[in-house]
Amino acid sequence: MQQQLPWFVKTETFKTTLTFPQIKPHLAAHKVWVAELREQGVSVTSGYRVDADDRPGGGGLMLFAAEDHGAAERLVLQ
């Protein structure tokens, strides 16, 4: 039986001084990175945080499995 890894949560807040066109290239790179993690076998999902009206923007949330806190920290610092 395979051991279940603990899950971790990473949140992000977009800089309010940046416009969406300035943020967009970083989001594209993030999506590629998440896809690469999945290809490596990492259990991960991510998406926009939403406001009270269910509109995306302002930041993101990522849930992922890792061996321990140290491994989780190394992953998010990539």
N, C-alpha and C. Protein backbone atom coordinates (compact mmCIF):
# COMPACT_ATOMS: atom_id res chain seq x y z
N MET A 1 0.84 -1.18 0.00
CA MET A 1 0.00 0.00 0.00
C MET A 1 0.90 1.26 0.00
N GLN A 2 0.56 2.22 -0.85
CA GLN A 2 1.34 3.45 -0.94
C GLN A 2 0.94 4.40 0.18
N GLN A 3 1.96 5.03 0.78
CA GLN A 3 1.71 5.98 1.87
C GLN A 3 1.08 7.26 1.33
N GLN A 4 0.07 7.76 2.01
CA GLN A 4 -0.58 9.01 1.64
C GLN A 4 0.27 10.18 2.13
N LEU A 5 0.60 11.09 1.23
CA LEU A 5 1.38 12.27 1.62
C LEU A 5 0.49 13.33 2.22
N PRO A 6 1.02 14.15 3.13
CA PRO A 6 0.24 15.27 3.67
C PRO A 6 0.02 16.33 2.59
N TRP A 7 -1.06 17.07 2.74
CA TRP A 7 -1.40 18.14 1.80
C TRP A 7 -1.02 19.50 2.40
N PHE A 8 -0.63 20.42 1.52
CA PHE A 8 -0.23 21.77 1.92
C PHE A 8 -0.99 22.78 1.07
N VAL A 9 -1.09 24.00 1.59
CA VAL A 9 -1.80 25.08 0.91
C VAL A 9 -0.86 26.26 0.76
N LYS A 10 -0.84 26.82 -0.45
CA LYS A 10 -0.05 28.04 -0.72
C LYS A 10 -1.02 29.08 -1.25
N THR A 11 -0.99 30.27 -0.69
CA THR A 11 -1.82 31.36 -1.20
C THR A 11 -0.91 32.47 -1.72
N GLU A 12 -1.45 33.22 -2.68
CA GLU A 12 -0.72 34.35 -3.25
C GLU A 12 -1.65 35.54 -3.33
N THR A 13 -1.09 36.71 -3.24
CA THR A 13 -1.83 37.95 -3.45
C THR A 13 -1.12 38.73 -4.54
N PHE A 14 -1.87 39.12 -5.57
CA PHE A 14 -1.28 39.93 -6.63
C PHE A 14 -0.96 41.32 -6.09
N LYS A 15 0.12 41.90 -6.59
CA LYS A 15 0.45 43.27 -6.22
C LYS A 15 -0.61 44.20 -6.79
N THR A 16 -1.15 45.05 -5.95
CA THR A 16 -2.21 45.96 -6.40
C THR A 16 -1.67 47.04 -7.33
N THR A 17 -0.36 47.21 -7.38
CA THR A 17 0.24 48.21 -8.25
C THR A 17 0.40 47.71 -9.69
N LEU A 18 0.14 46.40 -9.91
CA LEU A 18 0.29 45.83 -11.24
C LEU A 18 -1.06 45.71 -11.94
N THR A 19 -1.06 45.92 -13.23
CA THR A 19 -2.27 45.71 -14.03
C THR A 19 -2.33 44.25 -14.46
N PHE A 20 -3.52 43.82 -14.93
CA PHE A 20 -3.63 42.44 -15.36
C PHE A 20 -2.66 42.11 -16.51
N PRO A 21 -2.50 43.01 -17.50
CA PRO A 21 -1.51 42.69 -18.54
C PRO A 21 -0.09 42.49 -18.00
N GLN A 22 0.25 43.12 -16.89
CA GLN A 22 1.56 42.92 -16.27
C GLN A 22 1.62 41.58 -15.53
N ILE A 23 0.51 41.14 -14.99
CA ILE A 23 0.44 39.90 -14.23
C ILE A 23 0.34 38.69 -15.15
N LYS A 24 -0.33 38.85 -16.30
CA LYS A 24 -0.65 37.74 -17.19
C LYS A 24 0.54 36.85 -17.56
N PRO A 25 1.72 37.39 -17.90
CA PRO A 25 2.84 36.49 -18.23
C PRO A 25 3.25 35.59 -17.06
N HIS A 26 3.12 36.10 -15.85
CA HIS A 26 3.46 35.30 -14.67
C HIS A 26 2.45 34.18 -14.47
N LEU A 27 1.18 34.47 -14.76
CA LEU A 27 0.15 33.44 -14.66
C LEU A 27 0.39 32.34 -15.69
N ALA A 28 0.77 32.73 -16.90
CA ALA A 28 1.06 31.74 -17.94
C ALA A 28 2.22 30.84 -17.51
N ALA A 29 3.26 31.43 -16.96
CA ALA A 29 4.42 30.65 -16.49
C ALA A 29 4.00 29.74 -15.34
N HIS A 30 3.14 30.22 -14.47
CA HIS A 30 2.66 29.42 -13.34
C HIS A 30 1.90 28.18 -13.85
N LYS A 31 1.05 28.38 -14.86
CA LYS A 31 0.28 27.25 -15.41
C LYS A 31 1.21 26.20 -16.00
N VAL A 32 2.26 26.63 -16.68
CA VAL A 32 3.24 25.69 -17.23
C VAL A 32 3.93 24.94 -16.09
N TRP A 33 4.32 25.65 -15.05
CA TRP A 33 4.98 25.03 -13.90
C TRP A 33 4.08 23.98 -13.24
N VAL A 34 2.80 24.31 -13.04
CA VAL A 34 1.86 23.36 -12.43
C VAL A 34 1.71 22.13 -13.32
N ALA A 35 1.63 22.32 -14.64
CA ALA A 35 1.52 21.19 -15.57
C ALA A 35 2.77 20.31 -15.48
N GLU A 36 3.94 20.92 -15.36
CA GLU A 36 5.18 20.15 -15.22
C GLU A 36 5.19 19.37 -13.91
N LEU A 37 4.69 19.97 -12.83
CA LEU A 37 4.61 19.26 -11.55
C LEU A 37 3.73 18.03 -11.69
N ARG A 38 2.59 18.18 -12.37
CA ARG A 38 1.68 17.05 -12.57
C ARG A 38 2.36 15.95 -13.38
N GLU A 39 3.10 16.34 -14.41
CA GLU A 39 3.83 15.36 -15.22
C GLU A 39 4.86 14.60 -14.39
N GLN A 40 5.39 15.25 -13.36
CA GLN A 40 6.36 14.61 -12.46
C GLN A 40 5.69 13.75 -11.40
N GLY A 41 4.36 13.76 -11.39
CA GLY A 41 3.62 12.93 -10.43
C GLY A 41 3.20 13.64 -9.16
N VAL A 42 3.39 14.95 -9.09
CA VAL A 42 2.97 15.71 -7.90
C VAL A 42 1.45 15.87 -7.95
N SER A 43 0.77 15.59 -6.86
CA SER A 43 -0.66 15.86 -6.74
C SER A 43 -0.83 17.33 -6.44
N VAL A 44 -1.37 18.08 -7.41
CA VAL A 44 -1.46 19.53 -7.27
C VAL A 44 -2.67 20.06 -8.02
N THR A 45 -3.29 21.07 -7.45
CA THR A 45 -4.33 21.82 -8.13
C THR A 45 -4.21 23.28 -7.70
N SER A 46 -4.58 24.17 -8.60
CA SER A 46 -4.48 25.59 -8.26
C SER A 46 -5.52 26.37 -9.05
N GLY A 47 -5.76 27.59 -8.59
CA GLY A 47 -6.71 28.45 -9.28
C GLY A 47 -6.75 29.82 -8.64
N TYR A 48 -7.55 30.67 -9.27
CA TYR A 48 -7.73 32.04 -8.76
C TYR A 48 -8.52 32.02 -7.46
N ARG A 49 -8.18 32.94 -6.58
CA ARG A 49 -9.07 33.24 -5.47
C ARG A 49 -10.14 34.15 -6.06
N VAL A 50 -11.32 34.12 -5.52
CA VAL A 50 -12.40 34.95 -6.04
C VAL A 50 -12.87 35.93 -4.97
N ASP A 51 -13.51 37.00 -5.44
CA ASP A 51 -14.03 37.99 -4.50
C ASP A 51 -15.46 37.62 -4.09
N ALA A 52 -16.13 38.50 -3.37
CA ALA A 52 -17.48 38.22 -2.87
C ALA A 52 -18.49 38.02 -3.99
N ASP A 53 -18.17 38.51 -5.19
CA ASP A 53 -19.06 38.36 -6.34
C ASP A 53 -18.62 37.21 -7.26
N ASP A 54 -17.74 36.33 -6.75
CA ASP A 54 -17.22 35.18 -7.50
C ASP A 54 -16.40 35.58 -8.72
N ARG A 55 -15.80 36.76 -8.70
CA ARG A 55 -14.93 37.20 -9.80
C ARG A 55 -13.49 36.89 -9.43
N PRO A 56 -12.74 36.26 -10.38
CA PRO A 56 -11.33 35.97 -10.10
C PRO A 56 -10.51 37.25 -10.06
N GLY A 57 -9.43 37.17 -9.36
CA GLY A 57 -8.53 38.31 -9.30
C GLY A 57 -8.01 38.51 -7.89
N GLY A 58 -6.90 39.16 -7.81
CA GLY A 58 -6.34 39.46 -6.51
C GLY A 58 -5.38 38.44 -5.97
N GLY A 59 -5.39 37.22 -6.55
CA GLY A 59 -4.46 36.22 -6.05
C GLY A 59 -4.85 34.81 -6.44
N GLY A 60 -4.16 33.86 -5.82
CA GLY A 60 -4.40 32.47 -6.16
C GLY A 60 -4.23 31.56 -4.97
N LEU A 61 -4.60 30.31 -5.17
CA LEU A 61 -4.54 29.29 -4.14
C LEU A 61 -4.02 28.01 -4.80
N MET A 62 -3.11 27.33 -4.14
CA MET A 62 -2.58 26.08 -4.65
C MET A 62 -2.60 25.05 -3.54
N LEU A 63 -3.13 23.87 -3.83
CA LEU A 63 -3.15 22.74 -2.91
C LEU A 63 -2.27 21.66 -3.51
N PHE A 64 -1.39 21.06 -2.69
CA PHE A 64 -0.48 20.05 -3.21
C PHE A 64 -0.02 19.12 -2.10
N ALA A 65 0.40 17.92 -2.52
CA ALA A 65 0.91 16.93 -1.59
C ALA A 65 2.44 16.95 -1.63
N ALA A 66 3.06 16.77 -0.46
CA ALA A 66 4.52 16.74 -0.37
C ALA A 66 4.92 15.87 0.82
N GLU A 67 6.17 15.41 0.81
CA GLU A 67 6.68 14.54 1.89
C GLU A 67 6.52 15.17 3.27
N ASP A 68 6.90 16.45 3.37
CA ASP A 68 6.88 17.14 4.66
C ASP A 68 6.95 18.64 4.39
N HIS A 69 6.95 19.42 5.48
CA HIS A 69 6.96 20.88 5.34
C HIS A 69 8.17 21.37 4.56
N GLY A 70 9.33 20.79 4.80
CA GLY A 70 10.54 21.20 4.09
C GLY A 70 10.41 20.98 2.59
N ALA A 71 9.88 19.82 2.20
CA ALA A 71 9.68 19.54 0.77
C ALA A 71 8.65 20.48 0.18
N ALA A 72 7.60 20.80 0.93
CA ALA A 72 6.59 21.74 0.46
C ALA A 72 7.20 23.13 0.26
N GLU A 73 8.01 23.55 1.18
CA GLU A 73 8.64 24.86 1.07
C GLU A 73 9.57 24.92 -0.14
N ARG A 74 10.36 23.88 -0.36
CA ARG A 74 11.23 23.84 -1.53
C ARG A 74 10.44 23.91 -2.82
N LEU A 75 9.31 23.22 -2.86
CA LEU A 75 8.49 23.24 -4.06
C LEU A 75 7.97 24.65 -4.36
N VAL A 76 7.42 25.33 -3.36
CA VAL A 76 6.85 26.65 -3.64
C VAL A 76 7.92 27.71 -3.88
N LEU A 77 9.14 27.47 -3.48
CA LEU A 77 10.20 28.44 -3.72
C LEU A 77 10.84 28.28 -5.10
N GLN A 78 10.39 27.29 -5.87
CA GLN A 78 10.95 27.08 -7.22
C GLN A 78 10.68 28.27 -8.11
